Amino acid sequence: MRFPIVIHKDKDEGSGYGVIVPDLPGCFSAGDTLEDALTSSQEAILSHIEVLMMDGEAIPTAIPLEEHQSNEDYAGGFWALVDADISKLSSKRVRVNVSLPARVLAIVDEAAKREGETRSGLLTQAALRYVERRSGF
């Protein structure tokens, strides 16, 4: 999906770029350079949409760019379109085939049963926790 963003640059020397995503109220970003601002705006859009999806809320409908440009709240800024691949956020289940030692699978199944989870649910939670600890996602 492509999202229009408005970018503001303070006139102060050494100031960064501020970004607003008008189609996603409350979605803001910034960067020290224009390139950083564009990259961080893409991350902000994906994070914002992910929260909306987790909360069961609809993704707001895009408003034509011309309407945003005529909004005085965005005066003095310049516009760009940011492509955000929201397919990465899909909660659609995908079947995968993994091989585990039989002993490990038995331990996983026992833990899942004890926790009132499915095998897939337990493995999903374990994988996400591992990735969070290792990479700070």
C-alpha atoms as a PDB file:
ATOM      1  CA  MET A   1       0.000   0.000   0.000  1.00  0.00           C
ATOM      2  CA  ARG A   2       1.186   3.493  -0.731  1.00  0.00           C
ATOM      3  CA  PHE A   3       0.686   6.161   1.907  1.00  0.00           C
ATOM      4  CA  PRO A   4       1.111   9.891   1.410  1.00  0.00           C
ATOM      5  CA  ILE A   5       3.301  11.514   4.039  1.00  0.00           C
ATOM      6  CA  VAL A   6       4.006  15.146   4.740  1.00  0.00           C
ATOM      7  CA  ILE A   7       7.534  16.060   5.779  1.00  0.00           C
ATOM      8  CA  HIS A   8       8.511  19.170   7.685  1.00  0.00           C
ATOM      9  CA  LYS A   9      12.016  20.475   8.184  1.00  0.00           C
ATOM     10  CA  ASP A  10      12.724  23.003  10.898  1.00  0.00           C
ATOM     11  CA  LYS A  11      14.763  25.973   9.833  1.00  0.00           C
ATOM     12  CA  ASP A  12      17.100  25.498  12.792  1.00  0.00           C
ATOM     13  CA  GLU A  13      20.531  24.315  11.783  1.00  0.00           C
ATOM     14  CA  GLY A  14      21.069  20.664  12.603  1.00  0.00           C
ATOM     15  CA  SER A  15      17.379  19.909  13.011  1.00  0.00           C
ATOM     16  CA  GLY A  16      15.882  16.759  11.572  1.00  0.00           C
ATOM     17  CA  TYR A  17      12.818  15.983   9.527  1.00  0.00           C
ATOM     18  CA  GLY A  18       9.400  15.366  11.037  1.00  0.00           C
ATOM     19  CA  VAL A  19       6.889  13.123   9.280  1.00  0.00           C
ATOM     20  CA  ILE A  20       3.101  12.912   9.570  1.00  0.00           C
ATOM     21  CA  VAL A  21       1.016  10.164   7.972  1.00  0.00           C
ATOM     22  CA  PRO A  22      -2.340  11.896   7.452  1.00  0.00           C
ATOM     23  CA  ASP A  23      -4.269   8.721   6.583  1.00  0.00           C
ATOM     24  CA  LEU A  24      -3.238   7.163   9.910  1.00  0.00           C
ATOM     25  CA  PRO A  25      -4.162   9.596  12.693  1.00  0.00           C
ATOM     26  CA  GLY A  26      -1.522   9.522  15.414  1.00  0.00           C
ATOM     27  CA  CYS A  27       1.161   8.051  13.156  1.00  0.00           C
ATOM     28  CA  PHE A  28       4.297  10.183  13.259  1.00  0.00           C
ATOM     29  CA  SER A  29       7.951   9.658  12.540  1.00  0.00           C
ATOM     30  CA  ALA A  30      11.212  11.543  12.182  1.00  0.00           C
ATOM     31  CA  GLY A  31      14.753  11.273  10.934  1.00  0.00           C
ATOM     32  CA  ASP A  32      18.019  13.163  11.015  1.00  0.00           C
ATOM     33  CA  THR A  33      18.232  13.001   7.221  1.00  0.00           C
ATOM     34  CA  LEU A  34      15.523  12.874   4.585  1.00  0.00           C
ATOM     35  CA  GLU A  35      16.439   9.260   3.843  1.00  0.00           C
ATOM     36  CA  ASP A  36      16.179   8.379   7.562  1.00  0.00           C
ATOM     37  CA  ALA A  37      12.800  10.107   7.725  1.00  0.00           C
ATOM     38  CA  LEU A  38      11.470   8.097   4.777  1.00  0.00           C
ATOM     39  CA  THR A  39      12.756   4.817   6.206  1.00  0.00           C
ATOM     40  CA  SER A  40      11.406   5.505   9.682  1.00  0.00           C
ATOM     41  CA  SER A  41       8.049   6.567   8.247  1.00  0.00           C
ATOM     42  CA  GLN A  42       7.706   3.183   6.564  1.00  0.00           C
ATOM     43  CA  GLU A  43       8.462   1.456   9.881  1.00  0.00           C
ATOM     44  CA  ALA A  44       6.009   3.735  11.697  1.00  0.00           C
ATOM     45  CA  ILE A  45       3.264   2.950   9.188  1.00  0.00           C
ATOM     46  CA  LEU A  46       3.748  -0.796   9.547  1.00  0.00           C
ATOM     47  CA  SER A  47       3.861  -0.572  13.350  1.00  0.00           C
ATOM     48  CA  HIS A  48       0.756   1.615  13.442  1.00  0.00           C
ATOM     49  CA  ILE A  49      -1.201  -0.730  11.171  1.00  0.00           C
ATOM     50  CA  GLU A  50      -0.047  -3.750  13.157  1.00  0.00           C
ATOM     51  CA  VAL A  51      -1.450  -2.213  16.352  1.00  0.00           C
ATOM     52  CA  LEU A  52      -4.736  -1.443  14.589  1.00  0.00           C
ATOM     53  CA  MET A  53      -4.947  -5.049  13.384  1.00  0.00           C
ATOM     54  CA  MET A  54      -4.129  -6.469  16.819  1.00  0.00           C
ATOM     55  CA  ASP A  55      -6.854  -4.282  18.327  1.00  0.00           C
ATOM     56  CA  GLY A  56      -9.325  -5.485  15.692  1.00  0.00           C
ATOM     57  CA  GLU A  57      -9.692  -1.999  14.237  1.00  0.00           C
ATOM     58  CA  ALA A  58     -10.073  -1.205  10.557  1.00  0.00           C
ATOM     59  CA  ILE A  59      -7.273   0.385   8.599  1.00  0.00           C
ATOM     60  CA  PRO A  60      -8.472   3.910   7.712  1.00  0.00           C
ATOM     61  CA  THR A  61      -9.406   4.522   4.096  1.00  0.00           C
ATOM     62  CA  ALA A  62      -6.956   6.587   2.100  1.00  0.00           C
ATOM     63  CA  ILE A  63      -7.972  10.152   1.372  1.00  0.00           C
ATOM     64  CA  PRO A  64      -6.959  11.621  -2.001  1.00  0.00           C
ATOM     65  CA  LEU A  65      -3.616  13.400  -1.786  1.00  0.00           C
ATOM     66  CA  GLU A  66      -5.152  16.616  -3.090  1.00  0.00           C
ATOM     67  CA  GLU A  67      -7.436  16.793  -0.034  1.00  0.00           C
ATOM     68  CA  HIS A  68      -4.461  16.431   2.290  1.00  0.00           C
ATOM     69  CA  GLN A  69      -2.528  19.081   0.405  1.00  0.00           C
ATOM     70  CA  SER A  70      -5.338  21.584   0.882  1.00  0.00           C
ATOM     71  CA  ASN A  71      -5.415  20.948   4.656  1.00  0.00           C
ATOM     72  CA  GLU A  72      -3.825  23.904   6.464  1.00  0.00           C
ATOM     73  CA  ASP A  73      -2.458  21.583   9.172  1.00  0.00           C
ATOM     74  CA  TYR A  74       0.097  20.372   6.635  1.00  0.00           C
ATOM     75  CA  ALA A  75       1.062  23.751   5.180  1.00  0.00           C
ATOM     76  CA  GLY A  76       4.769  24.311   4.697  1.00  0.00           C
ATOM     77  CA  GLY A  77       5.549  20.635   4.333  1.00  0.00           C
ATOM     78  CA  PHE A  78       6.446  18.664   1.252  1.00  0.00           C
ATOM     79  CA  TRP A  79       4.851  15.408   0.183  1.00  0.00           C
ATOM     80  CA  ALA A  80       6.077  11.936  -0.634  1.00  0.00           C
ATOM     81  CA  LEU A  81       4.500   8.539  -1.123  1.00  0.00           C
ATOM     82  CA  VAL A  82       5.784   5.683   0.999  1.00  0.00           C
ATOM     83  CA  ASP A  83       5.214   2.072   0.016  1.00  0.00           C
ATOM     84  CA  ALA A  84       4.473  -0.125   3.042  1.00  0.00           C
ATOM     85  CA  ASP A  85       4.075  -3.851   2.428  1.00  0.00           C
ATOM     86  CA  ILE A  86       1.273  -4.688   4.850  1.00  0.00           C
ATOM     87  CA  SER A  87       1.189  -8.291   3.627  1.00  0.00           C
ATOM     88  CA  LYS A  88       4.003  -8.859   6.138  1.00  0.00           C
ATOM     89  CA  LEU A  89       1.445  -8.166   8.846  1.00  0.00           C
ATOM     90  CA  SER A  90      -1.039 -10.794   7.729  1.00  0.00           C
ATOM     91  CA  SER A  91      -2.282 -13.014  10.507  1.00  0.00           C
ATOM     92  CA  LYS A  92      -3.329 -15.615   7.953  1.00  0.00           C
ATOM     93  CA  ARG A  93      -2.052 -19.011   8.973  1.00  0.00           C
ATOM     94  CA  VAL A  94       0.447 -20.682   6.674  1.00  0.00           C
ATOM     95  CA  ARG A  95       1.185 -24.381   6.829  1.00  0.00           C
ATOM     96  CA  VAL A  96       4.891 -25.147   7.119  1.00  0.00           C
ATOM     97  CA  ASN A  97       6.718 -28.419   7.283  1.00  0.00           C
ATOM     98  CA  VAL A  98       9.441 -28.662   9.929  1.00  0.00           C
ATOM     99  CA  SER A  99      11.424 -31.612  11.179  1.00  0.00           C
ATOM    100  CA  LEU A 100      11.999 -32.055  14.900  1.00  0.00           C
ATOM    101  CA  PRO A 101      13.479 -34.903  16.878  1.00  0.00           C
ATOM    102  CA  ALA A 102      10.677 -37.115  18.229  1.00  0.00           C
ATOM    103  CA  ARG A 103      11.783 -36.411  21.814  1.00  0.00           C
ATOM    104  CA  VAL A 104      11.536 -32.628  21.276  1.00  0.00           C
ATOM    105  CA  LEU A 105       8.121 -32.977  19.661  1.00  0.00           C
ATOM    106  CA  ALA A 106       6.890 -35.020  22.636  1.00  0.00           C
ATOM    107  CA  ILE A 107       8.136 -32.322  25.045  1.00  0.00           C
ATOM    108  CA  VAL A 108       6.449 -29.585  22.966  1.00  0.00           C
ATOM    109  CA  ASP A 109       3.169 -31.514  22.829  1.00  0.00           C
ATOM    110  CA  GLU A 110       3.263 -32.137  26.587  1.00  0.00           C
ATOM    111  CA  ALA A 111       3.915 -28.449  27.294  1.00  0.00           C
ATOM    112  CA  ALA A 112       1.160 -27.369  24.890  1.00  0.00           C
ATOM    113  CA  LYS A 113      -1.327 -29.679  26.573  1.00  0.00           C
ATOM    114  CA  ARG A 114      -0.312 -28.428  30.018  1.00  0.00           C
ATOM    115  CA  GLU A 115      -0.726 -24.794  28.899  1.00  0.00           C
ATOM    116  CA  GLY A 116      -4.025 -25.418  27.117  1.00  0.00           C
ATOM    117  CA  GLU A 117      -2.414 -24.544  23.790  1.00  0.00           C
ATOM    118  CA  THR A 118      -2.082 -26.215  20.443  1.00  0.00           C
ATOM    119  CA  ARG A 119       1.305 -27.362  19.201  1.00  0.00           C
ATOM    120  CA  SER A 120       1.264 -24.552  16.611  1.00  0.00           C
ATOM    121  CA  GLY A 121       0.246 -21.947  19.181  1.00  0.00           C
ATOM    122  CA  LEU A 122       2.990 -22.937  21.592  1.00  0.00           C
ATOM    123  CA  LEU A 123       5.661 -23.000  18.863  1.00  0.00           C
ATOM    124  CA  THR A 124       4.491 -19.603  17.575  1.00  0.00           C
ATOM    125  CA  GLN A 125       4.723 -18.030  21.031  1.00  0.00           C
ATOM    126  CA  ALA A 126       8.107 -19.622  21.694  1.00  0.00           C
ATOM    127  CA  ALA A 127       9.502 -18.459  18.350  1.00  0.00           C
ATOM    128  CA  LEU A 128       8.292 -14.868  18.876  1.00  0.00           C
ATOM    129  CA  ARG A 129       9.759 -14.722  22.385  1.00  0.00           C
ATOM    130  CA  TYR A 130      13.069 -16.042  21.108  1.00  0.00           C
ATOM    131  CA  VAL A 131      13.228 -13.475  18.304  1.00  0.00           C
ATOM    132  CA  GLU A 132      12.273 -10.630  20.691  1.00  0.00           C
ATOM    133  CA  ARG A 133      15.063 -11.585  23.097  1.00  0.00           C
ATOM    134  CA  ARG A 134      17.656 -11.973  20.358  1.00  0.00           C
ATOM    135  CA  SER A 135      16.912  -9.012  18.141  1.00  0.00           C
ATOM    136  CA  GLY A 136      14.761  -6.605  20.101  1.00  0.00           C
ATOM    137  CA  PHE A 137      11.770  -6.746  17.727  1.00  0.00           C
END
